[in-house]
Amino acid sequence: MKILPQRLQIEFEQISFAYAHLTTGLVMTVLVGAALFAAIQGVSGFETTILWYSSLLLLVTVRFISLYLYRRSVDKIGRIRTWKTAFILGAGLAGIVWGIGGILLFPEADVARQIFLVFIIGGMVMGAVPYLSPVLPAYLLFLFPAELPITAYLLTFNDNLHIILGVVNILFILTMLVAARLNQKTFLHSVMLRFVNQDLVKRLNETNVDLEHKIYLKNKVEEDLRENEHRFKALSNAAHDGVILHKHGVIIEANQAIARMCGYSVRELVGKSVLELIAPDCHADIIHRLAEPREDIFETTGLCKDGSTFRAELNR
């Protein structure tokens, strides 16, 4: 599987988010545009208003087609720059249409509808923050064309009301810039956090697989040891010769034959020193032989539990 550079992954997440929420934005554009058309057409002229609203609907249709093509695309990552450019261009054109509407539809003699128009455009700009700001250039190209024309036009009036509205719009633009930048940072932080979490989950899964493998090997070794132990007991108990296993001279296993020879039970023999089964006068020889790594056969004197002795041939 091809691993994408992190920068490209982030860019893909931004564009995927933008197109995923484009439908909501386009539907709201149609509805808000219809509300503005209904409120303004009586005072701004029906022909002008219908021309503006038709332009808005045409742009919405083109952007819906763009959304359809994006969803049908089988190589979204390979064409990420194309889809990003198309989205930014669509947002910029939407801003231009709203900005032109702010001038064409401005009702000169109706202050109430003037304020309504200002708030409608401001509402579209504010509502676009969560959807467009992850792709910040798209939001900027929507914000400035939509707000600057009507803001500049308001400042051309000589009365205090329109000048105040223009100043408020300037402050609103600045506020939206800050909000968009903060929202973009939040989005990028959430994306980066998700990448980190995915990396942690991947590492945990790898560690879990490694741990499971180690547990399997440990259980296999323990199973093999138990099987070998059972085999040793079965073979040694079936043998006529006495057999013991020791570690540093301490008995860890013994068969029934050696237990009978020495008058002990197998349980009693485990944990005893090998020297306890050898006559005291042979201890020095046994200690010397146990210290040597070579294999040999030799005779010695065994010591029983009741103190009696017997001749023994040791093979180690």
Protein backbone atom coordinates (compact mmCIF):
# COMPACT_ATOMS: atom_id res chain seq x y z
CA MET A 1 0.00 0.00 0.00
CA LYS A 2 1.36 3.43 -0.98
CA ILE A 3 1.98 5.77 1.95
CA LEU A 4 1.08 9.37 1.10
CA PRO A 5 3.15 12.31 2.35
CA GLN A 6 1.51 13.91 5.36
CA ARG A 7 1.03 17.23 3.54
CA LEU A 8 -0.95 15.47 0.81
CA GLN A 9 -2.97 13.53 3.37
CA ILE A 10 -3.94 16.77 5.11
CA GLU A 11 -4.86 18.42 1.81
CA PHE A 12 -7.00 15.40 0.91
CA GLU A 13 -8.79 15.59 4.27
CA GLN A 14 -9.52 19.31 3.71
CA ILE A 15 -10.99 18.76 0.25
CA SER A 16 -12.95 15.68 1.34
CA PHE A 17 -14.49 17.69 4.20
CA ALA A 18 -15.32 20.60 1.89
CA TYR A 19 -17.10 18.44 -0.71
CA ALA A 20 -18.83 16.39 2.00
CA HIS A 21 -20.56 19.56 3.27
CA LEU A 22 -21.07 21.25 -0.08
CA THR A 23 -24.63 19.98 -0.48
CA THR A 24 -25.70 21.70 2.75
CA GLY A 25 -24.15 24.97 1.63
CA LEU A 26 -25.76 24.86 -1.80
CA VAL A 27 -29.22 24.08 -0.42
CA MET A 28 -28.92 26.95 2.05
CA THR A 29 -27.80 29.23 -0.80
CA VAL A 30 -30.94 28.41 -2.79
CA LEU A 31 -33.25 28.90 0.21
CA VAL A 32 -31.68 32.13 1.44
CA GLY A 33 -31.56 33.47 -2.11
CA ALA A 34 -35.26 32.70 -2.50
CA ALA A 35 -36.04 34.53 0.76
CA LEU A 36 -34.04 37.55 -0.43
CA PHE A 37 -35.79 37.44 -3.82
CA ALA A 38 -39.20 37.42 -2.14
CA ALA A 39 -38.31 40.30 0.17
CA ILE A 40 -36.51 42.54 -2.33
CA GLN A 41 -38.13 42.06 -5.75
CA GLY A 42 -40.99 44.44 -4.96
CA VAL A 43 -38.65 47.40 -4.39
CA SER A 44 -35.53 46.54 -6.42
CA GLY A 45 -37.31 45.65 -9.62
CA PHE A 46 -38.53 42.21 -10.64
CA GLU A 47 -36.35 41.95 -13.74
CA THR A 48 -33.16 42.82 -11.85
CA THR A 49 -34.00 40.49 -8.97
CA ILE A 50 -34.93 37.55 -11.18
CA LEU A 51 -31.75 38.05 -13.21
CA TRP A 52 -29.64 37.93 -10.05
CA TYR A 53 -31.48 34.91 -8.63
CA SER A 54 -31.21 33.06 -11.96
CA SER A 55 -27.45 33.64 -11.91
CA LEU A 56 -27.33 32.25 -8.38
CA LEU A 57 -29.30 29.15 -9.41
CA LEU A 58 -27.06 28.63 -12.45
CA LEU A 59 -23.96 28.74 -10.24
CA VAL A 60 -25.55 26.33 -7.75
CA THR A 61 -26.33 23.94 -10.62
CA VAL A 62 -22.73 24.05 -11.87
CA ARG A 63 -21.43 23.39 -8.37
CA PHE A 64 -23.82 20.45 -7.95
CA ILE A 65 -22.42 19.02 -11.19
CA SER A 66 -18.91 19.51 -9.82
CA LEU A 67 -19.93 17.70 -6.62
CA TYR A 68 -21.41 14.83 -8.65
CA LEU A 69 -18.22 14.47 -10.70
CA TYR A 70 -16.10 14.53 -7.54
CA ARG A 71 -18.13 11.75 -5.94
CA ARG A 72 -17.90 9.67 -9.12
CA SER A 73 -14.14 10.15 -9.39
CA VAL A 74 -12.09 7.00 -8.78
CA ASP A 75 -8.81 8.86 -8.38
CA LYS A 76 -9.61 11.68 -5.95
CA ILE A 77 -6.07 11.80 -4.55
CA GLY A 78 -4.40 11.81 -7.95
CA ARG A 79 -6.54 14.76 -9.04
CA ILE A 80 -6.60 16.51 -5.68
CA ARG A 81 -5.30 19.80 -7.12
CA THR A 82 -8.01 19.83 -9.79
CA TRP A 83 -10.77 19.27 -7.25
CA LYS A 84 -9.29 21.88 -4.92
CA THR A 85 -9.11 24.46 -7.70
CA ALA A 86 -12.71 23.71 -8.73
CA PHE A 87 -13.93 24.11 -5.16
CA ILE A 88 -12.06 27.39 -4.59
CA LEU A 89 -13.27 28.76 -7.92
CA GLY A 90 -16.86 27.84 -7.07
CA ALA A 91 -16.63 29.55 -3.67
CA GLY A 92 -15.12 32.66 -5.30
CA LEU A 93 -17.90 32.86 -7.92
CA ALA A 94 -20.51 32.46 -5.18
CA GLY A 95 -18.96 35.40 -3.33
CA ILE A 96 -19.05 37.50 -6.52
CA VAL A 97 -22.75 36.71 -7.11
CA TRP A 98 -23.62 37.70 -3.53
CA GLY A 99 -21.46 40.82 -3.82
CA ILE A 100 -23.17 41.87 -7.07
CA GLY A 101 -26.52 41.21 -5.41
CA GLY A 102 -25.57 43.58 -2.61
CA ILE A 103 -25.24 46.39 -5.20
CA LEU A 104 -27.94 45.47 -7.75
CA LEU A 105 -30.61 44.66 -5.18
CA PHE A 106 -29.86 47.57 -2.82
CA PRO A 107 -33.23 49.30 -2.23
CA GLU A 108 -32.34 53.00 -2.23
CA ALA A 109 -35.58 54.20 -0.60
CA ASP A 110 -36.18 51.38 1.91
CA VAL A 111 -33.80 51.44 4.89
CA ALA A 112 -35.38 48.39 6.52
CA ARG A 113 -34.76 46.28 3.42
CA GLN A 114 -31.26 47.74 3.13
CA ILE A 115 -30.46 46.43 6.62
CA PHE A 116 -32.15 43.13 5.74
CA LEU A 117 -29.91 42.81 2.67
CA VAL A 118 -26.80 43.56 4.73
CA PHE A 119 -27.75 40.93 7.30
CA ILE A 120 -28.60 38.33 4.64
CA ILE A 121 -25.16 38.65 3.04
CA GLY A 122 -23.52 38.71 6.47
CA GLY A 123 -25.45 35.58 7.44
CA MET A 124 -24.21 33.74 4.36
CA VAL A 125 -20.64 34.78 5.12
CA MET A 126 -20.93 33.72 8.77
CA GLY A 127 -22.62 30.43 7.90
CA ALA A 128 -19.83 29.58 5.48
CA VAL A 129 -17.13 29.67 8.19
CA PRO A 130 -17.43 26.03 9.36
CA TYR A 131 -17.76 24.66 5.82
CA LEU A 132 -15.26 26.75 3.83
CA SER A 133 -12.57 27.77 6.34
CA PRO A 134 -10.79 24.35 6.38
CA VAL A 135 -9.88 25.33 2.79
CA LEU A 136 -9.00 28.89 3.79
CA PRO A 137 -8.40 30.29 0.26
CA ALA A 138 -11.96 29.25 -0.65
CA TYR A 139 -13.39 31.16 2.31
CA LEU A 140 -11.33 34.28 1.60
CA LEU A 141 -12.45 34.28 -2.03
CA PHE A 142 -16.05 34.04 -0.81
CA LEU A 143 -15.78 36.57 2.02
CA PHE A 144 -14.19 39.54 0.26
CA PRO A 145 -16.25 39.58 -2.99
CA ALA A 146 -19.45 39.12 -0.96
CA GLU A 147 -18.83 41.77 1.72
CA LEU A 148 -16.56 44.44 0.26
CA PRO A 149 -18.92 45.82 -2.44
CA ILE A 150 -21.85 46.49 -0.11
CA THR A 151 -19.50 47.71 2.63
CA ALA A 152 -17.87 50.23 0.27
CA TYR A 153 -21.27 51.30 -1.03
CA LEU A 154 -22.59 51.95 2.50
CA LEU A 155 -19.60 54.20 3.23
CA THR A 156 -20.47 56.42 0.23
CA PHE A 157 -23.60 57.70 1.97
CA ASN A 158 -23.47 60.94 3.93
CA ASP A 159 -25.73 59.91 6.83
CA ASN A 160 -24.61 58.38 10.09
CA LEU A 161 -26.74 55.23 9.79
CA HIS A 162 -25.14 54.01 6.56
CA ILE A 163 -21.64 54.98 7.69
CA ILE A 164 -22.15 53.06 10.94
CA LEU A 165 -23.43 50.06 8.97
CA GLY A 166 -20.31 50.26 6.78
CA VAL A 167 -17.98 50.42 9.78
CA VAL A 168 -19.83 47.54 11.45
CA ASN A 169 -19.40 45.55 8.25
CA ILE A 170 -15.65 46.23 8.30
CA LEU A 171 -15.47 44.97 11.89
CA PHE A 172 -17.59 41.99 10.86
CA ILE A 173 -15.16 41.14 8.03
CA LEU A 174 -12.22 41.28 10.44
CA THR A 175 -14.09 39.08 12.92
CA MET A 176 -14.87 36.54 10.23
CA LEU A 177 -11.20 36.46 9.20
CA VAL A 178 -10.20 35.61 12.77
CA ALA A 179 -13.00 33.05 13.12
CA ALA A 180 -12.05 31.39 9.83
CA ARG A 181 -8.39 31.16 10.80
CA LEU A 182 -9.24 29.70 14.22
CA ASN A 183 -11.63 27.19 12.67
CA GLN A 184 -8.97 26.14 10.17
CA LYS A 185 -6.46 25.62 13.01
CA THR A 186 -9.02 23.54 14.91
CA PHE A 187 -9.69 21.43 11.82
CA LEU A 188 -5.98 20.85 11.15
CA HIS A 189 -5.40 20.00 14.81
CA SER A 190 -8.20 17.42 14.75
CA VAL A 191 -6.79 15.90 11.54
CA MET A 192 -3.28 15.71 13.01
CA LEU A 193 -4.66 14.21 16.22
CA ARG A 194 -6.48 11.56 14.19
CA PHE A 195 -3.26 10.73 12.34
CA VAL A 196 -1.44 10.38 15.67
CA ASN A 197 -4.21 8.15 17.04
CA GLN A 198 -4.13 5.99 13.91
CA ASP A 199 -0.36 5.64 14.28
CA LEU A 200 -0.75 4.69 17.96
CA VAL A 201 -3.41 2.11 17.10
CA LYS A 202 -1.16 0.68 14.40
CA ARG A 203 1.77 0.41 16.83
CA LEU A 204 -0.43 -1.14 19.50
CA ASN A 205 -1.71 -3.69 17.01
CA GLU A 206 1.84 -4.53 15.97
CA THR A 207 2.88 -4.84 19.63
CA ASN A 208 -0.16 -7.00 20.33
CA VAL A 209 0.68 -9.32 17.43
CA ASP A 210 4.29 -9.57 18.64
CA LEU A 211 3.15 -10.23 22.20
CA GLU A 212 0.70 -12.90 21.05
CA HIS A 213 3.51 -14.56 19.10
CA LYS A 214 5.79 -14.50 22.15
CA ILE A 215 3.02 -15.92 24.34
CA TYR A 216 2.46 -18.66 21.75
CA LEU A 217 6.17 -19.51 21.75
CA LYS A 218 6.28 -19.51 25.56
CA ASN A 219 3.26 -21.79 25.78
CA LYS A 220 4.78 -24.04 23.11
CA VAL A 221 8.04 -24.30 25.05
CA GLU A 222 6.17 -25.03 28.27
CA GLU A 223 4.08 -27.64 26.49
CA ASP A 224 7.21 -29.24 25.04
CA LEU A 225 8.86 -29.22 28.47
CA ARG A 226 5.82 -30.88 30.04
CA GLU A 227 5.74 -33.45 27.26
CA ASN A 228 9.46 -34.15 27.67
CA GLU A 229 9.01 -34.40 31.41
CA HIS A 230 6.22 -36.92 30.99
CA ARG A 231 8.36 -38.88 28.53
CA PHE A 232 11.29 -38.85 30.94
CA LYS A 233 9.15 -40.11 33.79
CA ALA A 234 7.57 -42.78 31.64
CA LEU A 235 10.93 -44.00 30.28
CA SER A 236 12.81 -43.73 33.55
CA ASN A 237 10.07 -45.47 35.55
CA ALA A 238 10.04 -48.27 32.99
CA ALA A 239 13.82 -48.69 33.26
CA HIS A 240 15.40 -51.20 35.67
CA ASP A 241 18.35 -48.89 36.32
CA GLY A 242 18.09 -45.98 38.70
CA VAL A 243 17.90 -42.57 36.97
CA ILE A 244 18.19 -39.16 38.51
CA LEU A 245 18.41 -35.63 37.09
CA HIS A 246 20.26 -33.03 39.11
CA LYS A 247 21.13 -29.36 38.93
CA HIS A 248 24.38 -28.36 40.64
CA GLY A 249 24.24 -31.58 42.66
CA VAL A 250 20.59 -31.16 43.79
CA ILE A 251 18.12 -33.82 42.60
CA ILE A 252 15.26 -32.41 40.49
CA GLU A 253 13.90 -35.69 39.05
CA ALA A 254 14.23 -39.39 39.94
CA ASN A 255 12.63 -42.64 38.85
CA GLN A 256 11.09 -45.43 40.87
CA ALA A 257 14.10 -47.73 40.40
CA ILE A 258 16.55 -45.43 42.22
CA ALA A 259 13.92 -44.74 44.87
CA ARG A 260 13.58 -48.48 45.58
CA MET A 261 17.36 -48.98 45.64
CA CYS A 262 17.84 -46.27 48.26
CA GLY A 263 14.67 -46.90 50.27
CA TYR A 264 13.10 -43.48 49.56
CA SER A 265 10.00 -42.37 47.73
CA VAL A 266 10.46 -40.32 44.57
CA ARG A 267 8.99 -37.31 46.41
CA GLU A 268 11.58 -37.65 49.18
CA LEU A 269 14.46 -37.76 46.72
CA VAL A 270 13.56 -34.53 44.94
CA GLY A 271 15.48 -31.68 46.55
CA LYS A 272 18.12 -33.85 48.20
CA SER A 273 21.80 -33.54 47.43
CA VAL A 274 23.25 -36.28 45.26
CA LEU A 275 25.87 -36.79 48.01
CA GLU A 276 23.15 -38.00 50.41
CA LEU A 277 22.84 -41.12 48.22
CA ILE A 278 26.63 -41.74 48.28
CA ALA A 279 28.68 -43.23 51.09
CA PRO A 280 30.70 -40.50 52.89
CA ASP A 281 34.08 -42.02 51.98
CA CYS A 282 33.19 -41.59 48.26
CA HIS A 283 32.10 -37.94 48.45
CA ALA A 284 35.44 -36.48 47.38
CA ASP A 285 35.56 -38.68 44.30
CA ILE A 286 31.95 -37.78 43.33
CA ILE A 287 32.55 -34.05 43.79
CA HIS A 288 35.64 -34.28 41.60
CA ARG A 289 33.80 -36.19 38.85
CA LEU A 290 30.75 -33.88 38.90
CA ALA A 291 33.05 -30.89 38.37
CA GLU A 292 34.40 -32.43 35.14
CA PRO A 293 32.27 -31.87 31.97
CA ARG A 294 33.17 -35.22 30.34
CA GLU A 295 30.94 -38.31 30.28
CA ASP A 296 32.19 -41.49 31.97
CA ILE A 297 31.16 -44.67 33.79
CA PHE A 298 32.55 -45.42 37.25
CA GLU A 299 31.81 -47.45 40.34
CA THR A 300 31.02 -46.04 43.79
CA THR A 301 29.25 -47.00 47.00
CA GLY A 302 25.59 -46.03 47.31
CA LEU A 303 23.96 -45.12 50.65
CA CYS A 304 20.42 -46.21 51.53
CA LYS A 305 17.95 -44.42 53.79
CA ASP A 306 18.49 -47.01 56.55
CA GLY A 307 22.27 -46.49 56.39
CA SER A 308 23.10 -49.68 54.48
CA THR A 309 25.33 -49.46 51.43
CA PHE A 310 25.44 -51.09 48.02
CA ARG A 311 27.79 -51.19 45.08
CA ALA A 312 26.64 -48.84 42.32
CA GLU A 313 27.80 -48.17 38.79
CA LEU A 314 27.24 -44.56 37.74
CA ASN A 315 26.87 -43.43 34.15
CA ARG A 316 26.80 -39.73 33.56
